[in-house]
Structure formats: C-alpha cells, structure tokens
Protein backbone atom coordinates (compact mmCIF):
# COMPACT_ATOMS: atom_id res chain seq x y z
CA MET A 1 7.33 -0.50 13.26
CA TYR A 2 7.21 3.00 11.79
CA ASN A 3 3.84 4.62 10.63
CA MET A 4 2.28 1.24 10.23
CA TYR A 5 -1.41 0.60 10.52
CA LYS A 6 -2.58 -1.63 13.46
CA ILE A 7 -4.38 -4.00 11.40
CA ASN A 8 -1.63 -4.58 8.98
CA PHE A 9 -0.70 -8.15 7.72
CA ARG A 10 1.93 -8.56 5.01
CA ASN A 11 0.62 -9.45 1.83
CA VAL A 12 3.33 -11.70 0.76
CA SER A 13 3.90 -14.92 2.44
CA LYS A 14 6.51 -15.50 5.08
CA TYR A 15 8.57 -17.97 2.72
CA ASN A 16 9.01 -15.16 0.30
CA TYR A 17 9.46 -12.17 2.75
CA CYS A 18 12.41 -13.45 4.94
CA PHE A 19 15.86 -13.50 4.41
CA SER A 20 17.09 -16.65 2.44
CA ASP A 21 19.43 -17.65 5.61
CA PHE A 22 16.86 -16.93 8.41
CA PRO A 23 13.18 -18.27 7.81
CA PHE A 24 10.52 -17.12 9.89
CA PRO A 25 9.52 -19.30 13.01
CA ASP A 26 7.12 -22.27 12.57
CA ASP A 27 4.54 -20.42 14.61
CA VAL A 28 4.33 -17.51 12.77
CA PRO A 29 1.40 -17.22 10.40
CA ASP A 30 1.75 -17.68 6.47
CA TYR A 31 0.98 -14.01 6.27
CA PRO A 32 2.91 -12.23 9.24
CA HIS A 33 0.98 -9.20 11.24
CA ASN A 34 3.44 -6.33 11.75
CA VAL A 35 4.00 -7.21 15.22
CA ASP A 36 5.38 -10.67 13.77
CA MET A 37 7.70 -8.66 11.63
CA ALA A 38 9.13 -6.52 13.97
CA LYS A 39 10.00 -9.62 16.47
CA TYR A 40 11.32 -11.08 13.24
CA ILE A 41 13.65 -8.25 12.29
CA LYS A 42 14.73 -7.82 15.94
CA SER A 43 15.63 -11.45 16.14
CA TYR A 44 17.53 -11.30 12.80
CA THR A 45 19.74 -8.57 13.95
CA ASN A 46 20.31 -9.90 17.26
CA HIS A 47 21.25 -13.08 15.60
CA PHE A 48 23.67 -11.62 13.23
CA LYS A 49 24.96 -9.43 15.77
CA LEU A 50 24.07 -6.49 13.91
CA ASN A 51 22.37 -4.66 16.69
CA GLU A 52 26.33 -3.79 17.61
CA ILE A 53 26.99 -1.87 14.49
CA ILE A 54 23.51 -0.34 14.16
CA LYS A 55 23.05 3.17 15.39
CA LEU A 56 19.76 4.50 16.31
CA TYR A 57 18.17 7.87 16.39
CA ARG A 58 20.20 9.11 13.57
CA LYS A 59 18.95 11.37 10.74
CA VAL A 60 20.87 11.46 7.58
CA VAL A 61 21.33 15.00 6.95
CA SER A 62 23.06 14.93 3.45
CA ILE A 63 24.59 12.59 0.93
CA GLU A 64 27.00 14.00 -1.48
CA ARG A 65 30.29 13.08 -3.73
CA GLN A 66 33.70 13.87 -2.57
CA GLY A 67 36.06 12.71 -4.77
CA GLU A 68 35.69 8.78 -5.62
CA ASP A 69 33.78 8.48 -2.13
CA TRP A 70 30.53 9.48 -0.63
CA LYS A 71 30.31 11.85 2.23
CA VAL A 72 27.42 11.25 4.59
CA ILE A 73 26.50 13.74 7.21
CA VAL A 74 24.61 12.00 9.99
CA GLN A 75 22.48 14.08 13.00
CA GLU A 76 21.52 12.64 16.14
CA VAL A 77 17.66 13.02 17.10
CA GLU A 78 15.83 12.62 20.13
CA GLU A 79 13.36 9.78 20.49
CA ASP A 80 10.46 11.99 19.37
CA GLY A 81 12.25 13.24 16.02
CA ILE A 82 13.27 16.53 17.47
CA THR A 83 17.09 17.34 16.01
CA VAL A 84 19.37 18.16 19.02
CA LYS A 85 22.56 20.41 18.64
CA ALA A 86 24.34 20.39 15.43
CA ASP A 87 27.61 19.75 17.42
CA THR A 88 26.44 16.18 17.37
CA GLN A 89 26.90 15.52 13.60
CA GLU A 90 28.75 12.64 12.41
CA VAL A 91 30.78 12.60 9.09
CA TYR A 92 31.35 9.37 7.34
CA LEU A 93 33.26 8.64 4.08
CA ALA A 94 32.16 5.40 2.12
CA LYS A 95 32.92 3.64 -1.35
CA ASN A 96 29.23 2.63 -1.55
CA VAL A 97 25.86 4.01 -0.08
CA ALA A 98 22.74 1.63 -0.28
CA ILE A 99 19.62 3.56 0.90
CA ALA A 100 16.83 1.26 2.13
CA SER A 101 14.65 4.15 3.75
CA GLY A 102 11.31 2.88 1.72
CA HIS A 103 9.21 5.62 -0.01
CA HIS A 104 6.11 5.42 1.92
CA ALA A 105 6.48 8.74 3.71
CA LYS A 106 5.46 11.51 1.36
CA PRO A 107 1.75 11.18 0.14
CA THR A 108 0.39 12.01 -3.19
CA THR A 109 -2.94 13.26 -2.80
CA ALA A 110 -5.69 13.69 -5.38
CA LYS A 111 -7.93 16.99 -6.33
CA PHE A 112 -11.38 16.60 -7.14
CA MET A 113 -13.62 18.96 -8.62
CA GLY A 114 -15.56 20.76 -5.54
CA GLN A 115 -13.22 19.17 -3.19
CA ASP A 116 -12.73 22.50 -1.31
CA SER A 117 -16.24 22.54 -0.43
CA PHE A 118 -16.40 18.87 1.31
CA THR A 119 -17.60 19.76 4.87
CA GLY A 120 -16.14 16.25 6.33
CA GLU A 121 -12.92 15.20 6.98
CA ILE A 122 -10.33 14.30 3.92
CA ILE A 123 -7.33 12.29 5.03
CA HIS A 124 -4.59 10.42 3.31
CA SER A 125 -3.64 6.78 4.34
CA VAL A 126 -0.70 7.56 5.69
CA LYS A 127 -2.45 8.94 8.68
CA TYR A 128 -4.81 5.68 8.94
CA LYS A 129 -4.28 3.52 11.63
CA ASP A 130 -7.64 1.31 12.55
CA VAL A 131 -11.41 2.32 12.64
CA ILE A 132 -11.17 2.99 16.24
CA THR A 133 -7.96 5.16 16.47
CA ASN A 134 -9.20 7.15 13.67
CA HIS A 135 -12.91 7.58 15.17
CA LEU A 136 -14.66 6.25 12.09
CA GLU A 137 -16.96 3.78 13.60
CA ASP A 138 -20.09 5.88 12.88
CA LYS A 139 -18.75 7.62 9.81
CA ARG A 140 -19.92 7.12 6.46
CA VAL A 141 -16.48 6.66 4.60
CA LEU A 142 -15.30 6.91 1.02
CA VAL A 143 -11.87 5.04 0.22
CA VAL A 144 -10.46 6.38 -2.88
CA GLY A 145 -7.98 3.83 -4.90
CA ILE A 146 -7.78 0.03 -4.97
CA GLY A 147 -4.25 -0.95 -4.20
CA ASN A 148 -3.44 -2.87 -1.05
CA SER A 149 -3.74 0.35 1.12
CA ALA A 150 -7.07 1.23 -0.01
CA VAL A 151 -8.43 -2.60 0.36
CA ASP A 152 -6.80 -3.01 3.87
CA VAL A 153 -8.26 0.49 5.08
CA ALA A 154 -11.86 -0.36 3.43
CA VAL A 155 -11.88 -3.88 4.71
CA ASN A 156 -11.13 -2.81 8.21
CA ILE A 157 -13.92 -0.05 7.89
CA ALA A 158 -16.49 -2.55 6.63
CA ALA A 159 -15.67 -5.15 9.40
CA ILE A 160 -15.63 -2.77 12.37
CA GLY A 161 -17.48 0.42 11.45
CA ARG A 162 -21.33 0.58 12.03
CA LYS A 163 -22.02 2.74 9.07
CA LYS A 164 -22.09 0.49 5.98
CA PRO A 165 -21.48 0.12 3.37
CA VAL A 166 -18.09 1.69 2.69
CA TYR A 167 -17.67 3.17 -0.78
CA LEU A 168 -14.53 1.97 -2.55
CA SER A 169 -13.40 4.35 -5.79
CA THR A 170 -11.33 2.96 -8.07
CA ARG A 171 -10.05 4.32 -11.82
CA SER A 172 -8.67 1.16 -13.50
CA GLY A 173 -10.38 -1.72 -11.49
CA ALA A 174 -8.40 -4.48 -9.88
CA TRP A 175 -7.48 -8.51 -10.32
CA VAL A 176 -8.50 -9.48 -6.61
CA VAL A 177 -5.82 -12.15 -5.76
CA PRO A 178 -6.81 -14.24 -2.81
CA ASN A 179 -4.01 -15.35 -0.18
CA TYR A 180 -4.35 -18.81 -0.86
CA ILE A 181 -4.91 -20.60 -4.31
CA PHE A 182 -5.66 -24.70 -3.91
CA GLY A 183 -4.53 -24.54 -0.34
CA HIS A 184 -0.88 -22.89 -0.71
CA PRO A 185 0.24 -19.08 -0.49
CA THR A 186 -0.40 -17.56 -3.56
CA ASP A 187 2.92 -16.21 -4.14
CA LEU A 188 4.75 -19.54 -4.05
CA TYR A 189 3.11 -20.29 -7.44
CA ALA A 190 5.46 -17.49 -8.97
CA ASN A 191 8.42 -20.16 -9.47
CA ARG A 192 10.69 -20.45 -12.07
CA LEU A 193 8.60 -22.82 -14.21
CA PHE A 194 5.83 -19.99 -13.95
CA LEU A 195 7.84 -17.39 -14.91
CA ALA A 196 9.32 -19.12 -17.81
CA LEU A 197 6.33 -19.56 -19.57
CA PRO A 198 5.70 -16.98 -22.58
CA TRP A 199 3.78 -14.03 -20.87
CA LYS A 200 0.49 -14.38 -22.66
CA LEU A 201 0.16 -17.87 -21.52
CA ALA A 202 1.22 -17.27 -17.96
CA THR A 203 -1.35 -14.40 -17.84
CA TRP A 204 -4.02 -16.39 -19.39
CA ILE A 205 -3.34 -19.27 -16.52
CA PHE A 206 -3.28 -16.75 -14.02
CA GLU A 207 -6.66 -15.23 -14.82
CA THR A 208 -8.34 -18.47 -15.28
CA VAL A 209 -7.62 -19.47 -11.91
CA ILE A 210 -8.50 -16.47 -10.32
CA LYS A 211 -11.89 -16.88 -12.36
CA VAL A 212 -12.32 -20.38 -10.80
CA VAL A 213 -11.32 -19.50 -7.29
CA SER A 214 -13.03 -16.03 -7.02
CA GLY A 215 -15.14 -15.61 -10.01
CA ASN A 216 -14.95 -13.04 -12.81
CA PRO A 217 -14.00 -9.72 -11.44
CA LYS A 218 -16.43 -8.21 -13.68
CA ARG A 219 -19.15 -9.63 -11.44
CA TRP A 220 -18.24 -7.75 -8.75
CA GLY A 221 -18.02 -4.39 -10.39
CA LEU A 222 -14.13 -4.63 -10.37
CA ASN A 223 -13.78 -4.42 -14.13
CA PRO A 224 -9.88 -4.38 -14.04
CA LYS A 225 -8.62 -2.26 -17.30
CA MET A 226 -5.41 -4.26 -17.33
CA ARG A 227 -4.42 -7.96 -17.65
CA ALA A 228 -3.47 -9.70 -14.19
CA LEU A 229 0.11 -9.76 -14.85
CA GLN A 230 0.52 -6.30 -16.12
CA THR A 231 0.02 -5.30 -12.28
CA GLN A 232 1.09 -5.94 -8.76
CA PRO A 233 -1.75 -7.91 -7.58
CA THR A 234 -4.08 -6.82 -4.70
CA VAL A 235 -4.39 -9.53 -2.07
CA SER A 236 -7.47 -9.69 0.12
CA PRO A 237 -9.28 -12.36 1.61
CA THR A 238 -12.51 -10.54 2.44
CA LEU A 239 -13.08 -8.02 -0.10
CA LEU A 240 -15.57 -9.88 -2.14
CA HIS A 241 -17.29 -10.88 0.89
CA HIS A 242 -17.95 -7.23 1.73
CA ILE A 243 -19.00 -6.49 -1.47
CA GLN A 244 -21.50 -9.06 -1.77
CA ARG A 245 -22.82 -8.00 1.15
CA LYS A 246 -22.97 -4.29 0.24
CA ASN A 247 -21.05 -3.15 2.94
CA ILE A 248 -18.28 -1.94 0.54
CA VAL A 249 -19.25 -0.02 -2.48
CA ILE A 250 -16.36 -0.05 -5.54
CA VAL A 251 -16.59 3.60 -7.52
CA PRO A 252 -13.98 4.21 -10.00
CA ASN A 253 -12.34 7.78 -9.98
CA ILE A 254 -11.14 10.07 -12.55
CA GLN A 255 -7.61 10.56 -11.44
CA VAL A 256 -4.29 9.11 -12.26
CA TYR A 257 -2.49 8.07 -9.07
CA SER A 258 0.38 5.74 -10.25
CA LEU A 259 2.05 5.00 -13.30
CA GLN A 260 1.77 1.40 -12.82
CA PRO A 261 -1.48 -0.02 -11.99
CA GLN A 262 -1.79 -2.50 -8.93
CA PRO A 263 -3.81 -5.77 -8.75
CA THR A 264 -5.06 -6.18 -5.53
CA VAL A 265 -3.95 -8.94 -2.87
CA SER A 266 -6.67 -9.35 -0.11
CA PRO A 267 -8.03 -12.53 1.55
CA THR A 268 -11.58 -10.67 2.36
CA LEU A 269 -12.25 -7.91 -0.20
CA LEU A 270 -14.61 -10.17 -2.37
CA HIS A 271 -16.02 -11.41 0.73
CA HIS A 272 -17.25 -7.92 1.69
CA ILE A 273 -18.15 -6.96 -1.98
CA GLN A 274 -20.54 -10.18 -2.24
CA ARG A 275 -22.17 -9.27 1.02
CA LYS A 276 -22.55 -5.49 -0.36
CA ASN A 277 -20.31 -4.16 2.60
CA ILE A 278 -18.23 -2.70 -0.03
CA ILE A 279 -20.18 -1.28 -3.01
CA ILE A 280 -18.37 -0.49 -6.34
CA VAL A 281 -19.62 2.70 -8.12
CA PRO A 282 -18.56 4.80 -11.24
CA ASN A 283 -16.04 7.84 -11.31
CA ILE A 284 -15.98 10.79 -9.04
CA GLN A 285 -17.56 13.64 -11.03
CA ARG A 286 -17.64 16.35 -8.40
CA ILE A 287 -18.02 17.03 -4.73
CA GLU A 288 -20.38 19.23 -3.15
CA ASN A 289 -20.47 19.78 0.55
CA LYS A 290 -20.58 16.26 1.86
CA LYS A 291 -22.34 14.74 -1.19
CA VAL A 292 -20.06 13.31 -3.70
CA TYR A 293 -21.62 12.52 -7.26
CA PHE A 294 -20.38 9.72 -9.56
CA ILE A 295 -20.30 9.89 -13.08
CA ASN A 296 -23.04 7.44 -13.69
CA GLY A 297 -25.38 9.97 -12.02
CA GLU A 298 -25.49 8.35 -8.56
CA SER A 299 -24.54 10.14 -5.43
CA ALA A 300 -23.75 9.52 -1.89
CA GLU A 301 -23.00 11.55 1.38
CA PHE A 302 -19.90 11.21 3.42
CA ASP A 303 -18.52 12.05 6.58
CA THR A 304 -14.69 11.19 5.60
CA ILE A 305 -12.78 10.58 2.57
CA ILE A 306 -9.58 8.45 2.61
CA LEU A 307 -7.21 8.89 0.18
CA CYS A 308 -5.47 5.98 -0.71
CA THR A 309 -3.43 7.59 -3.73
CA GLY A 310 -0.12 6.41 -3.41
CA TYR A 311 3.20 7.87 -2.44
CA LYS A 312 6.12 10.20 -4.04
CA ILE A 313 9.53 9.30 -3.60
CA ASP A 314 11.36 11.54 -1.34
CA LEU A 315 15.00 11.48 -1.00
CA PRO A 316 15.73 15.04 0.91
CA PHE A 317 19.05 14.08 1.91
CA LEU A 318 20.93 13.80 -1.59
CA SER A 319 22.53 16.68 -2.83
CA ASP A 320 20.85 18.04 -6.20
CA ASP A 321 23.51 16.76 -8.45
CA VAL A 322 23.26 13.33 -7.26
CA LYS A 323 19.46 13.44 -7.04
CA GLN A 324 19.03 14.20 -10.62
CA THR A 325 21.09 11.33 -11.68
CA VAL A 326 18.98 8.59 -9.42
CA LEU A 327 15.52 10.14 -9.37
CA ASP A 328 12.95 11.28 -12.22
CA GLU A 329 10.61 13.53 -10.07
CA ASN A 330 8.58 14.17 -12.91
CA SER A 331 7.85 10.21 -13.17
CA ASN A 332 8.19 9.17 -9.86
CA ASN A 333 10.74 6.51 -10.90
CA LEU A 334 14.26 5.77 -9.79
CA LYS A 335 16.62 5.61 -12.39
CA VAL A 336 18.72 2.51 -12.58
CA SER A 337 21.49 1.90 -14.41
C-alpha cells in the first residue's frame, strides 16, 4: 500500500473497517496489518470485477466544470511516478466526480525556537517506515505529537531501538484507548444505543471505562485537555507499558498542529509509559544544537526529531474556482454542503 509504515496495523477493527457486503476473512486478526488490508482490497476488487474497469498508472491532471458536467483530464504515468509524453492524456466528461485520494500526503511541519540550530536529523512521519529502515536503532529520538501516527512511531522505536527512553512531545495530552475493552474490540461499543445517550453521560461512561481499564491518564502524564468524546481516540496496546518503564517520555509541545484534538488508540502505549520506555515531559521551549529544552526547565539531547504533526489537505488537480468552493485552506477543512 502507498507510503505505509511497515509496522502499521489498523486502529479500527476489521468489523468496522470493511465494506458491509464483503467482510474480512475469519483468519485475519481483529486489527488488520497493512498487508492484510492490501490483500482484502485486491480480493474485493476481484470479487466484484472492479479490476476490469480500474485503470492503473494514471494521474489526475485537472478537474474543472464544463457546463453541467465535470471535465477530468488524466495523464499516464510510469510505475516510478515519472510522467510520460503529453499525448497519452485522456479526457473524461462525468456528471459526478468522487475524490477518494486521501489527505495524508502533504505534511504539516512545526517550527520551534532555535530549530535551525539542531545538528541532528528532523523528519516528518510521512518519511518514517520503521526503526531499521530509518536507521534509528542507536538514535536518541524525540517524537512530536500524540496522534495515532506519533504513537505508532514512538512505540515502534521503544520496542526495537536500543536508545531508551523515547520522548513523546504533546501539546494537548490524550485519552489512550485500548484496542479491547472487556474482551471485545473497543469500536464495537460505538453502537446505536451508546450513540443515542446524552453526550455528557456517554462521555462520563467512556472516561470511566478507560480509567477502570487503564488508570487515570493523568497518572501517566498524558494530561488530556479535552473530554474523551471530543476527540478521535488514540489507540495503543503498549504505550502505557513503555511509559511505565521509561522507554517513552511524554512532553507537551507549544505548537498547534490540527484544529481537532485526537484521542490516542494504542494497545501498547501505556505499556511502554508504565515501564519508562516512553517518558512524558512539558512543552518544548527551545532547541540548541542537539539539546531540547522544555518549559519545566528539563532538557535532553536527541539525534533525531520526528514530527508527527499532521497533514494539509492538498487537491492540486482542482481548478481554482472549484477548490475555493470545497476547501478552506486557512482552516484545512473541506466544505461539505
């Protein structure tokens, strides 16, 4: 699958991540790996014969209005992404166009005081594959953010890297949601009955269950600044494990990366927090060479900083007039009428 972590597992269960008319095979785990997802999508397209109408190695050059229709210009590309001659363009007219290209391609990066003086490496999570591929086995790493990408990266480094703890910098904290609650995938509890409850009651129930299962997030330094149902949870099975063992250190940061805070879904985040493989510390104040200073006066040296600071929605193929009607570039939100 395109630009996917080698370590990536879904943080939504296969029961909610499948097409309603085509469930995952029984032998696929509740939370599929990206290899399972690739096989599933291929199986789906073959089953419904979509592979007969899908055209691969095509790049959408432009989409614009032409009367009551949409004019779509498509360009053939080589497998390595290099565009071939312009005479291979194809033009389509359509009554409707659905864009399903995702938005995890154009990274949003943070800027910290003194960042230009950092003598190590700074990368965005879009460039992260795994500890070995990115040569981080013996690197001291600071991960910025606490969304699902940040947690996946931090936990992977805490589990395999030899330089512990991993520091995890978070601006707004997080409610860490385990993959399973009372033996069932967590997202199965988001049923019609639960969603019909008053918001305050549903939030209280959700937060109480999280505290019963994993403990109060404040105990682990996660300090969420929002209610649990105000966010998209972060799921991790081992984050607390690494935090408890000081393999991961959590540090709030000072940047605003996204308009919507995101709860953390991880089966292992708390596992690592509890073992101090992952450590939580306060906001980044400034950077001097390889040393990062936090607002509580603490500091630590790092070889690599990984920015898990989100993405900017990018629809370069839309004509300017169409883009203005569907995308608010200032807020990074799509306008849905």
